[in-house]
C-alpha atoms as a PDB file:
ATOM      1  CA  MET A   1       0.000   0.000   0.000  1.00  0.00           C
ATOM      2  CA  LYS A   2       1.215   3.506  -0.818  1.00  0.00           C
ATOM      3  CA  GLN A   3       2.556   5.443   2.197  1.00  0.00           C
ATOM      4  CA  ILE A   4       1.979   9.198   2.548  1.00  0.00           C
ATOM      5  CA  GLU A   5       3.546  11.282   5.328  1.00  0.00           C
ATOM      6  CA  VAL A   6       2.012  14.678   6.056  1.00  0.00           C
ATOM      7  CA  VAL A   7       1.765  17.391   8.682  1.00  0.00           C
ATOM      8  CA  ALA A   8      -1.372  19.072  10.012  1.00  0.00           C
ATOM      9  CA  ALA A   9      -1.887  22.329  11.890  1.00  0.00           C
ATOM     10  CA  VAL A  10      -4.472  22.676  14.621  1.00  0.00           C
ATOM     11  CA  ILE A  11      -4.585  26.472  14.446  1.00  0.00           C
ATOM     12  CA  VAL A  12      -6.113  28.029  17.553  1.00  0.00           C
ATOM     13  CA  ASP A  13      -7.135  31.687  17.856  1.00  0.00           C
ATOM     14  CA  GLU A  14      -7.155  33.983  20.912  1.00  0.00           C
ATOM     15  CA  GLN A  15     -10.663  32.802  21.879  1.00  0.00           C
ATOM     16  CA  GLY A  16      -9.686  29.127  21.754  1.00  0.00           C
ATOM     17  CA  CYS A  17     -11.492  28.434  18.459  1.00  0.00           C
ATOM     18  CA  VAL A  18      -9.947  25.960  16.012  1.00  0.00           C
ATOM     19  CA  LEU A  19      -9.631  26.453  12.247  1.00  0.00           C
ATOM     20  CA  ALA A  20     -11.304  23.823  10.054  1.00  0.00           C
ATOM     21  CA  THR A  21     -10.800  23.906   6.271  1.00  0.00           C
ATOM     22  CA  GLN A  22     -12.799  22.244   3.500  1.00  0.00           C
ATOM     23  CA  ARG A  23     -10.809  20.511   0.759  1.00  0.00           C
ATOM     24  CA  GLY A  24     -11.251  22.016  -2.679  1.00  0.00           C
ATOM     25  CA  TYR A  25      -9.615  19.268  -4.750  1.00  0.00           C
ATOM     26  CA  GLY A  26      -8.792  15.570  -5.060  1.00  0.00           C
ATOM     27  CA  ASP A  27     -10.525  12.336  -4.115  1.00  0.00           C
ATOM     28  CA  MET A  28     -11.611  13.736  -0.760  1.00  0.00           C
ATOM     29  CA  LYS A  29     -12.905  17.057  -2.114  1.00  0.00           C
ATOM     30  CA  ASP A  30     -15.446  18.745   0.191  1.00  0.00           C
ATOM     31  CA  GLY A  31     -14.242  16.853   3.290  1.00  0.00           C
ATOM     32  CA  TRP A  32     -13.149  18.944   6.269  1.00  0.00           C
ATOM     33  CA  GLU A  33      -9.581  18.768   7.498  1.00  0.00           C
ATOM     34  CA  PHE A  34      -6.894  20.488   9.481  1.00  0.00           C
ATOM     35  CA  PRO A  35      -4.696  22.384   6.998  1.00  0.00           C
ATOM     36  CA  GLY A  36      -1.245  21.081   6.124  1.00  0.00           C
ATOM     37  CA  GLY A  37       0.348  18.829   3.569  1.00  0.00           C
ATOM     38  CA  LYS A  38       3.174  16.583   2.479  1.00  0.00           C
ATOM     39  CA  ILE A  39       6.676  16.731   3.902  1.00  0.00           C
ATOM     40  CA  GLU A  40       9.210  17.365   1.144  1.00  0.00           C
ATOM     41  CA  ALA A  41      12.656  15.750   0.997  1.00  0.00           C
ATOM     42  CA  GLY A  42      15.036  17.349   3.482  1.00  0.00           C
ATOM     43  CA  GLU A  43      12.307  19.078   5.504  1.00  0.00           C
ATOM     44  CA  SER A  44      11.555  18.548   9.159  1.00  0.00           C
ATOM     45  CA  PRO A  45       7.848  18.205   9.981  1.00  0.00           C
ATOM     46  CA  GLU A  46       7.917  21.697  11.506  1.00  0.00           C
ATOM     47  CA  GLN A  47       9.512  23.231   8.392  1.00  0.00           C
ATOM     48  CA  ALA A  48       6.977  21.465   6.182  1.00  0.00           C
ATOM     49  CA  LEU A  49       4.088  22.725   8.304  1.00  0.00           C
ATOM     50  CA  ARG A  50       5.216  26.356   8.167  1.00  0.00           C
ATOM     51  CA  ARG A  51       5.670  26.121   4.384  1.00  0.00           C
ATOM     52  CA  GLU A  52       2.350  24.356   3.755  1.00  0.00           C
ATOM     53  CA  ILE A  53       0.333  26.798   5.882  1.00  0.00           C
ATOM     54  CA  ASN A  54       1.940  29.738   4.117  1.00  0.00           C
ATOM     55  CA  GLU A  55       1.179  28.163   0.709  1.00  0.00           C
ATOM     56  CA  GLU A  56      -2.431  27.238   1.597  1.00  0.00           C
ATOM     57  CA  LEU A  57      -3.507  30.128   3.832  1.00  0.00           C
ATOM     58  CA  ALA A  58      -0.958  32.942   3.216  1.00  0.00           C
ATOM     59  CA  VAL A  59      -0.121  33.285   6.919  1.00  0.00           C
ATOM     60  CA  ASP A  60       2.858  32.606   9.150  1.00  0.00           C
ATOM     61  CA  ILE A  61       2.387  30.392  12.180  1.00  0.00           C
ATOM     62  CA  HIS A  62       4.138  29.639  15.439  1.00  0.00           C
ATOM     63  CA  ILE A  63       4.145  25.972  16.428  1.00  0.00           C
ATOM     64  CA  ASP A  64       3.102  25.854  20.074  1.00  0.00           C
ATOM     65  CA  ARG A  65       3.425  22.120  20.711  1.00  0.00           C
ATOM     66  CA  PRO A  66       3.208  18.702  19.093  1.00  0.00           C
ATOM     67  CA  LEU A  67      -0.119  16.912  19.561  1.00  0.00           C
ATOM     68  CA  GLY A  68       0.948  13.493  18.296  1.00  0.00           C
ATOM     69  CA  THR A  69       0.852  11.378  15.154  1.00  0.00           C
ATOM     70  CA  VAL A  70      -2.198   9.795  13.532  1.00  0.00           C
ATOM     71  CA  GLU A  71      -1.889   6.609  11.463  1.00  0.00           C
ATOM     72  CA  TRP A  72      -4.855   5.911   9.172  1.00  0.00           C
ATOM     73  CA  ASP A  73      -5.567   3.486   6.347  1.00  0.00           C
ATOM     74  CA  TYR A  74      -7.560   5.013   3.502  1.00  0.00           C
ATOM     75  CA  PRO A  75      -8.637   2.722   0.635  1.00  0.00           C
ATOM     76  CA  LYS A  76      -5.738   3.797  -1.636  1.00  0.00           C
ATOM     77  CA  PHE A  77      -2.952   4.669   0.847  1.00  0.00           C
ATOM     78  CA  HIS A  78      -1.684   4.619   4.429  1.00  0.00           C
ATOM     79  CA  LEU A  79      -1.475   8.082   5.994  1.00  0.00           C
ATOM     80  CA  THR A  80       0.976   9.138   8.692  1.00  0.00           C
ATOM     81  CA  MET A  81      -0.036  12.610   9.911  1.00  0.00           C
ATOM     82  CA  HIS A  82       2.117  14.568  12.374  1.00  0.00           C
ATOM     83  CA  CYS A  83      -0.093  17.077  14.196  1.00  0.00           C
ATOM     84  CA  PHE A  84       0.864  20.325  15.893  1.00  0.00           C
ATOM     85  CA  GLN A  85      -1.055  23.001  17.775  1.00  0.00           C
ATOM     86  CA  CYS A  86      -0.243  26.413  16.288  1.00  0.00           C
ATOM     87  CA  HIS A  87      -1.316  30.038  16.187  1.00  0.00           C
ATOM     88  CA  VAL A  88      -1.095  32.672  13.459  1.00  0.00           C
ATOM     89  CA  THR A  89       1.693  35.201  13.967  1.00  0.00           C
ATOM     90  CA  HIS A  90       1.469  37.228  10.763  1.00  0.00           C
ATOM     91  CA  GLY A  91      -0.829  37.694   7.790  1.00  0.00           C
ATOM     92  CA  GLN A  92      -4.507  37.586   6.923  1.00  0.00           C
ATOM     93  CA  LEU A  93      -6.051  34.151   6.347  1.00  0.00           C
ATOM     94  CA  THR A  94      -6.602  33.718   2.616  1.00  0.00           C
ATOM     95  CA  LEU A  95      -7.992  30.470   1.204  1.00  0.00           C
ATOM     96  CA  LEU A  96      -5.639  29.548  -1.654  1.00  0.00           C
ATOM     97  CA  GLU A  97      -6.519  25.830  -1.899  1.00  0.00           C
ATOM     98  CA  HIS A  98      -9.626  25.285   0.244  1.00  0.00           C
ATOM     99  CA  GLU A  99     -13.296  25.943  -0.574  1.00  0.00           C
ATOM    100  CA  GLN A 100     -14.108  27.406   2.810  1.00  0.00           C
ATOM    101  CA  ALA A 101     -12.913  27.658   6.388  1.00  0.00           C
ATOM    102  CA  ARG A 102     -14.630  27.947   9.749  1.00  0.00           C
ATOM    103  CA  TRP A 103     -13.466  28.826  13.231  1.00  0.00           C
ATOM    104  CA  LEU A 104     -15.088  26.276  15.542  1.00  0.00           C
ATOM    105  CA  ASN A 105     -15.213  26.508  19.297  1.00  0.00           C
ATOM    106  CA  PRO A 106     -14.202  23.283  21.075  1.00  0.00           C
ATOM    107  CA  GLY A 107     -17.826  22.353  21.742  1.00  0.00           C
ATOM    108  CA  ASN A 108     -18.720  22.612  18.025  1.00  0.00           C
ATOM    109  CA  LEU A 109     -15.824  20.675  16.490  1.00  0.00           C
ATOM    110  CA  LEU A 110     -18.103  17.887  15.288  1.00  0.00           C
ATOM    111  CA  THR A 111     -20.445  20.219  13.346  1.00  0.00           C
ATOM    112  CA  VAL A 112     -18.495  19.686  10.097  1.00  0.00           C
ATOM    113  CA  ASP A 113     -17.940  16.462   8.135  1.00  0.00           C
ATOM    114  CA  TRP A 114     -14.300  15.722   9.049  1.00  0.00           C
ATOM    115  CA  LEU A 115     -12.226  13.307   7.006  1.00  0.00           C
ATOM    116  CA  PRO A 116     -11.612  10.082   8.996  1.00  0.00           C
ATOM    117  CA  ALA A 117      -7.953  10.747   9.886  1.00  0.00           C
ATOM    118  CA  ASP A 118      -8.796  14.292  10.982  1.00  0.00           C
ATOM    119  CA  LEU A 119     -11.414  12.923  13.377  1.00  0.00           C
ATOM    120  CA  GLN A 120      -8.520  11.119  15.059  1.00  0.00           C
ATOM    121  CA  VAL A 121      -6.755  14.481  15.474  1.00  0.00           C
ATOM    122  CA  ILE A 122      -9.724  15.712  17.517  1.00  0.00           C
ATOM    123  CA  LYS A 123      -9.202  12.728  19.815  1.00  0.00           C
ATOM    124  CA  LEU A 124      -5.511  13.701  20.146  1.00  0.00           C
ATOM    125  CA  MET A 125      -6.567  17.242  21.085  1.00  0.00           C
ATOM    126  CA  HIS A 126      -8.748  15.952  23.915  1.00  0.00           C
ATOM    127  CA  ASN A 127      -5.940  13.718  25.221  1.00  0.00           C
ATOM    128  CA  ALA A 128      -3.200  16.362  25.034  1.00  0.00           C
END
């Protein structure tokens, strides 16, 4: 089975709300996820996360802490997703790859249709 290694940002604002983004492309289009993407050769997970968030949302982030790693088997590949809690340090959120985004308070996290691996991230958040 194909292996894909990615990073994901759980971006939290000053009020404690979490950013959810809706995929605008690919097999899982319209599913909700935490923003991020693939780690490129020579990058650390943290470097990849900063680059991906800047490419997808046009903002700079500070990585506050690691949340853990999610392993998930999708029908076509195995996903390893390294997750980090972050906050925006510079820039205005601009959706460059996603259809829409929502800030969700912790009690409303399950009001969007999360992709299966991203649901596991929510479990990590509650255990961290």
